[in-house]
């Protein structure tokens, strides 16, 4: 799986990149066919310090995305990964039911 991390209007630390990579690779347990993950980090409002994380997964036949906002990039990424895990579980159950 290719993970592309884009930081808009700032330079992401290596520790943040490592954290994102480890979080996104945990999604492999729900679907082994994930081709790529595109993570976009940005500040929504500089005075309120709202940080946004958007993750776009490419799965064969579909594109899944999740966005979350919080006061910390780690929290935003974690919440977006939770949303994507729910989407991947739902996709897996749909595929299993279709085979039956």
N, C-alpha and C. Protein backbone atom coordinates (compact mmCIF):
# COMPACT_ATOMS: atom_id res chain seq x y z
N UNK A 1 0.84 -1.17 0.00
CA UNK A 1 0.00 0.00 0.00
C UNK A 1 0.89 1.24 0.00
N UNK A 2 0.60 2.16 -0.90
CA UNK A 2 1.33 3.41 -0.97
C UNK A 2 0.62 4.44 -0.09
N UNK A 3 1.38 5.11 0.76
CA UNK A 3 0.82 6.16 1.62
C UNK A 3 1.46 7.48 1.23
N UNK A 4 0.63 8.41 0.78
CA UNK A 4 1.09 9.74 0.38
C UNK A 4 0.57 10.74 1.41
N UNK A 5 1.49 11.45 2.07
CA UNK A 5 1.13 12.41 3.10
C UNK A 5 1.38 13.81 2.56
N UNK A 6 0.33 14.64 2.57
CA UNK A 6 0.43 16.01 2.10
C UNK A 6 0.10 16.95 3.25
N UNK A 7 1.03 17.83 3.58
CA UNK A 7 0.81 18.83 4.62
C UNK A 7 0.65 20.19 3.93
N UNK A 8 -0.50 20.78 4.10
CA UNK A 8 -0.79 22.06 3.47
C UNK A 8 -0.44 23.21 4.41
N UNK A 9 0.36 24.13 3.91
CA UNK A 9 0.76 25.36 4.60
C UNK A 9 1.62 25.13 5.83
N UNK A 10 2.22 23.94 5.98
CA UNK A 10 3.17 23.70 7.05
C UNK A 10 4.00 22.47 6.68
N UNK A 11 5.06 22.25 7.43
CA UNK A 11 5.92 21.09 7.21
C UNK A 11 5.67 20.09 8.33
N UNK A 12 5.28 18.89 7.96
CA UNK A 12 4.96 17.85 8.94
C UNK A 12 6.24 17.25 9.52
N UNK A 13 6.23 17.02 10.83
CA UNK A 13 7.36 16.39 11.51
C UNK A 13 7.43 14.91 11.12
N UNK A 14 8.60 14.34 11.26
CA UNK A 14 8.78 12.92 10.94
C UNK A 14 8.00 12.04 11.90
N UNK A 15 7.88 12.45 13.17
CA UNK A 15 7.12 11.66 14.13
C UNK A 15 5.65 11.62 13.75
N UNK A 16 5.13 12.72 13.24
CA UNK A 16 3.74 12.76 12.78
C UNK A 16 3.55 11.85 11.57
N UNK A 17 4.50 11.87 10.65
CA UNK A 17 4.43 11.00 9.48
C UNK A 17 4.47 9.52 9.88
N UNK A 18 5.32 9.19 10.84
CA UNK A 18 5.40 7.80 11.32
C UNK A 18 4.10 7.38 11.98
N UNK A 19 3.51 8.27 12.77
CA UNK A 19 2.24 7.98 13.42
C UNK A 19 1.14 7.73 12.39
N UNK A 20 1.09 8.57 11.36
CA UNK A 20 0.08 8.42 10.31
C UNK A 20 0.28 7.10 9.58
N UNK A 21 1.52 6.76 9.26
CA UNK A 21 1.79 5.50 8.56
C UNK A 21 1.35 4.30 9.39
N UNK A 22 1.63 4.33 10.68
CA UNK A 22 1.24 3.19 11.53
C UNK A 22 -0.27 3.10 11.66
N UNK A 23 -0.96 4.24 11.76
CA UNK A 23 -2.42 4.22 11.87
C UNK A 23 -3.07 3.71 10.59
N UNK A 24 -2.58 4.17 9.45
CA UNK A 24 -3.18 3.78 8.18
C UNK A 24 -2.91 2.31 7.87
N UNK A 25 -1.74 1.80 8.24
CA UNK A 25 -1.45 0.40 7.97
C UNK A 25 -2.30 -0.54 8.82
N UNK A 26 -2.89 -0.06 9.91
CA UNK A 26 -3.79 -0.91 10.70
C UNK A 26 -5.06 -1.23 9.92
N UNK A 27 -5.37 -0.45 8.89
CA UNK A 27 -6.56 -0.71 8.08
C UNK A 27 -6.40 -1.95 7.21
N UNK A 28 -5.16 -2.44 7.07
CA UNK A 28 -4.92 -3.63 6.26
C UNK A 28 -5.63 -4.86 6.82
N UNK A 29 -5.91 -4.88 8.13
CA UNK A 29 -6.56 -6.06 8.71
C UNK A 29 -8.02 -6.17 8.28
N UNK A 30 -8.60 -5.08 7.77
CA UNK A 30 -9.97 -5.12 7.28
C UNK A 30 -10.05 -5.43 5.79
N UNK A 31 -9.02 -5.03 5.04
CA UNK A 31 -9.00 -5.29 3.61
C UNK A 31 -7.55 -5.30 3.14
N UNK A 32 -7.12 -6.43 2.58
CA UNK A 32 -5.74 -6.55 2.11
C UNK A 32 -5.53 -5.91 0.74
N UNK A 33 -6.61 -5.56 0.06
CA UNK A 33 -6.51 -5.05 -1.31
C UNK A 33 -6.40 -3.54 -1.40
N UNK A 34 -6.12 -2.85 -0.31
CA UNK A 34 -6.00 -1.40 -0.35
C UNK A 34 -4.79 -1.04 -1.21
N UNK A 35 -5.03 -0.28 -2.27
CA UNK A 35 -3.96 0.06 -3.19
C UNK A 35 -3.15 1.26 -2.71
N UNK A 36 -3.84 2.34 -2.30
CA UNK A 36 -3.11 3.52 -1.86
C UNK A 36 -3.94 4.31 -0.86
N UNK A 37 -3.24 5.11 -0.10
CA UNK A 37 -3.87 5.99 0.88
C UNK A 37 -3.29 7.39 0.69
N UNK A 38 -4.17 8.37 0.58
CA UNK A 38 -3.76 9.76 0.42
C UNK A 38 -4.21 10.52 1.65
N UNK A 39 -3.26 11.02 2.44
CA UNK A 39 -3.57 11.73 3.68
C UNK A 39 -3.25 13.20 3.48
N UNK A 40 -4.25 14.05 3.72
CA UNK A 40 -4.07 15.50 3.57
C UNK A 40 -4.29 16.16 4.92
N UNK A 41 -3.29 16.88 5.38
CA UNK A 41 -3.35 17.58 6.66
C UNK A 41 -3.38 19.08 6.40
N UNK A 42 -4.25 19.80 7.11
CA UNK A 42 -4.32 21.24 6.91
C UNK A 42 -4.87 21.93 8.15
N UNK A 43 -4.56 23.22 8.25
CA UNK A 43 -5.14 24.07 9.28
C UNK A 43 -6.40 24.68 8.73
N UNK A 44 -7.51 24.59 9.46
CA UNK A 44 -8.75 25.22 9.01
C UNK A 44 -8.82 26.67 9.46
N UNK A 45 -8.42 26.92 10.69
CA UNK A 45 -8.49 28.26 11.23
C UNK A 45 -7.26 28.46 12.11
N UNK A 46 -6.39 29.37 11.72
CA UNK A 46 -5.13 29.51 12.44
C UNK A 46 -5.31 30.09 13.83
N UNK A 47 -6.30 30.95 14.04
CA UNK A 47 -6.43 31.54 15.37
C UNK A 47 -7.10 30.57 16.35
N UNK A 48 -7.99 29.70 15.89
CA UNK A 48 -8.61 28.71 16.76
C UNK A 48 -7.82 27.41 16.80
N UNK A 49 -6.83 27.28 15.93
CA UNK A 49 -5.96 26.10 15.87
C UNK A 49 -6.76 24.82 15.63
N UNK A 50 -7.67 24.86 14.67
CA UNK A 50 -8.42 23.68 14.28
C UNK A 50 -7.64 22.98 13.17
N UNK A 51 -7.35 21.71 13.41
CA UNK A 51 -6.56 20.94 12.45
C UNK A 51 -7.43 19.87 11.80
N UNK A 52 -7.27 19.72 10.51
CA UNK A 52 -8.11 18.80 9.75
C UNK A 52 -7.24 17.71 9.11
N UNK A 53 -7.79 16.50 9.09
CA UNK A 53 -7.12 15.38 8.43
C UNK A 53 -8.13 14.70 7.51
N UNK A 54 -7.74 14.52 6.26
CA UNK A 54 -8.58 13.84 5.28
C UNK A 54 -7.80 12.65 4.74
N UNK A 55 -8.44 11.48 4.77
CA UNK A 55 -7.80 10.26 4.28
C UNK A 55 -8.65 9.70 3.16
N UNK A 56 -8.02 9.44 2.02
CA UNK A 56 -8.71 8.86 0.87
C UNK A 56 -8.04 7.52 0.56
N UNK A 57 -8.83 6.45 0.63
CA UNK A 57 -8.34 5.10 0.35
C UNK A 57 -8.82 4.65 -1.01
N UNK A 58 -7.94 4.04 -1.77
CA UNK A 58 -8.34 3.44 -3.04
C UNK A 58 -8.35 1.93 -2.88
N UNK A 59 -9.57 1.39 -2.99
CA UNK A 59 -9.80 -0.04 -2.92
C UNK A 59 -10.27 -0.44 -4.30
N UNK A 60 -9.96 -1.64 -4.79
CA UNK A 60 -10.42 -2.03 -6.12
C UNK A 60 -11.94 -1.85 -6.28
N UNK A 61 -12.32 -1.01 -7.20
CA UNK A 61 -13.73 -0.78 -7.47
C UNK A 61 -14.35 0.37 -6.71
N UNK A 62 -13.66 0.90 -5.70
CA UNK A 62 -14.23 1.99 -4.90
C UNK A 62 -13.15 2.91 -4.37
N UNK A 63 -13.61 4.11 -3.99
CA UNK A 63 -12.76 5.08 -3.30
C UNK A 63 -13.47 5.45 -2.01
N UNK A 64 -12.81 5.25 -0.88
CA UNK A 64 -13.39 5.56 0.42
C UNK A 64 -12.67 6.78 1.00
N UNK A 65 -13.42 7.67 1.65
CA UNK A 65 -12.78 8.84 2.23
C UNK A 65 -13.39 9.16 3.58
N UNK A 66 -12.59 9.79 4.42
CA UNK A 66 -13.04 10.23 5.74
C UNK A 66 -12.29 11.50 6.10
N UNK A 67 -13.01 12.41 6.74
CA UNK A 67 -12.44 13.68 7.16
C UNK A 67 -12.80 13.91 8.62
N UNK A 68 -11.86 14.46 9.37
CA UNK A 68 -12.16 14.80 10.75
C UNK A 68 -11.37 16.03 11.16
N UNK A 69 -11.93 16.76 12.11
CA UNK A 69 -11.31 17.99 12.60
C UNK A 69 -11.22 17.93 14.11
N UNK A 70 -10.10 18.39 14.65
CA UNK A 70 -9.94 18.49 16.10
C UNK A 70 -8.82 19.48 16.38
N UNK A 71 -8.39 19.53 17.65
CA UNK A 71 -7.34 20.47 18.02
C UNK A 71 -5.94 19.88 17.89
N UNK A 72 -5.85 18.62 17.44
CA UNK A 72 -4.56 17.95 17.30
C UNK A 72 -4.59 17.05 16.07
N UNK A 73 -3.48 16.99 15.34
CA UNK A 73 -3.44 16.17 14.13
C UNK A 73 -3.56 14.68 14.46
N UNK A 74 -2.96 14.24 15.56
CA UNK A 74 -3.04 12.83 15.92
C UNK A 74 -4.49 12.40 16.17
N UNK A 75 -5.24 13.25 16.88
CA UNK A 75 -6.65 12.94 17.13
C UNK A 75 -7.43 12.90 15.83
N UNK A 76 -7.19 13.87 14.96
CA UNK A 76 -7.91 13.93 13.68
C UNK A 76 -7.64 12.69 12.85
N UNK A 77 -6.40 12.27 12.79
CA UNK A 77 -6.04 11.08 12.01
C UNK A 77 -6.67 9.84 12.63
N UNK A 78 -6.62 9.72 13.95
CA UNK A 78 -7.20 8.55 14.62
C UNK A 78 -8.69 8.44 14.37
N UNK A 79 -9.41 9.56 14.47
CA UNK A 79 -10.85 9.55 14.24
C UNK A 79 -11.18 9.22 12.78
N UNK A 80 -10.39 9.74 11.85
CA UNK A 80 -10.61 9.45 10.43
C UNK A 80 -10.34 7.97 10.15
N UNK A 81 -9.34 7.39 10.80
CA UNK A 81 -9.04 5.96 10.61
C UNK A 81 -10.18 5.12 11.18
N UNK A 82 -10.77 5.53 12.31
CA UNK A 82 -11.93 4.82 12.85
C UNK A 82 -13.10 4.84 11.87
N UNK A 83 -13.33 5.99 11.25
CA UNK A 83 -14.42 6.10 10.27
C UNK A 83 -14.15 5.18 9.08
N UNK A 84 -12.91 5.14 8.62
CA UNK A 84 -12.58 4.28 7.49
C UNK A 84 -12.67 2.80 7.86
N UNK A 85 -12.35 2.46 9.08
CA UNK A 85 -12.46 1.06 9.48
C UNK A 85 -13.92 0.62 9.46
N UNK A 86 -14.83 1.50 9.89
CA UNK A 86 -16.26 1.18 9.81
C UNK A 86 -16.70 1.01 8.36
N UNK A 87 -16.21 1.88 7.48
CA UNK A 87 -16.57 1.78 6.07
C UNK A 87 -16.05 0.48 5.46
N UNK A 88 -14.83 0.09 5.83
CA UNK A 88 -14.25 -1.14 5.29
C UNK A 88 -14.99 -2.37 5.81
N UNK A 89 -15.40 -2.35 7.08
CA UNK A 89 -16.18 -3.47 7.63
C UNK A 89 -17.50 -3.61 6.89
N UNK A 90 -18.16 -2.48 6.63
CA UNK A 90 -19.44 -2.50 5.92
C UNK A 90 -19.26 -3.02 4.49
N UNK A 91 -18.19 -2.60 3.84
CA UNK A 91 -17.90 -3.06 2.49
C UNK A 91 -17.65 -4.56 2.47
N UNK A 92 -16.95 -5.06 3.48
CA UNK A 92 -16.65 -6.49 3.56
C UNK A 92 -17.93 -7.29 3.77
N UNK A 93 -18.83 -6.83 4.63
CA UNK A 93 -20.08 -7.56 4.86
C UNK A 93 -20.95 -7.55 3.61
N UNK A 94 -20.95 -6.46 2.88
CA UNK A 94 -21.72 -6.41 1.63
C UNK A 94 -21.19 -7.43 0.62
N UNK A 95 -19.85 -7.51 0.53
CA UNK A 95 -19.26 -8.46 -0.42
C UNK A 95 -19.54 -9.90 -0.02
N UNK A 96 -19.48 -10.20 1.28
CA UNK A 96 -19.72 -11.56 1.75
C UNK A 96 -21.17 -11.94 1.52
N UNK A 97 -22.11 -11.03 1.77
CA UNK A 97 -23.52 -11.31 1.56
C UNK A 97 -23.85 -11.47 0.08
N UNK A 98 -23.14 -10.76 -0.77
CA UNK A 98 -23.38 -10.86 -2.21
C UNK A 98 -22.93 -12.22 -2.74
N UNK A 99 -21.88 -12.78 -2.15
CA UNK A 99 -21.37 -14.08 -2.59
C UNK A 99 -22.35 -15.18 -2.23
N UNK A 100 -23.02 -15.06 -1.08
CA UNK A 100 -23.97 -16.08 -0.66
C UNK A 100 -25.13 -16.02 -1.57
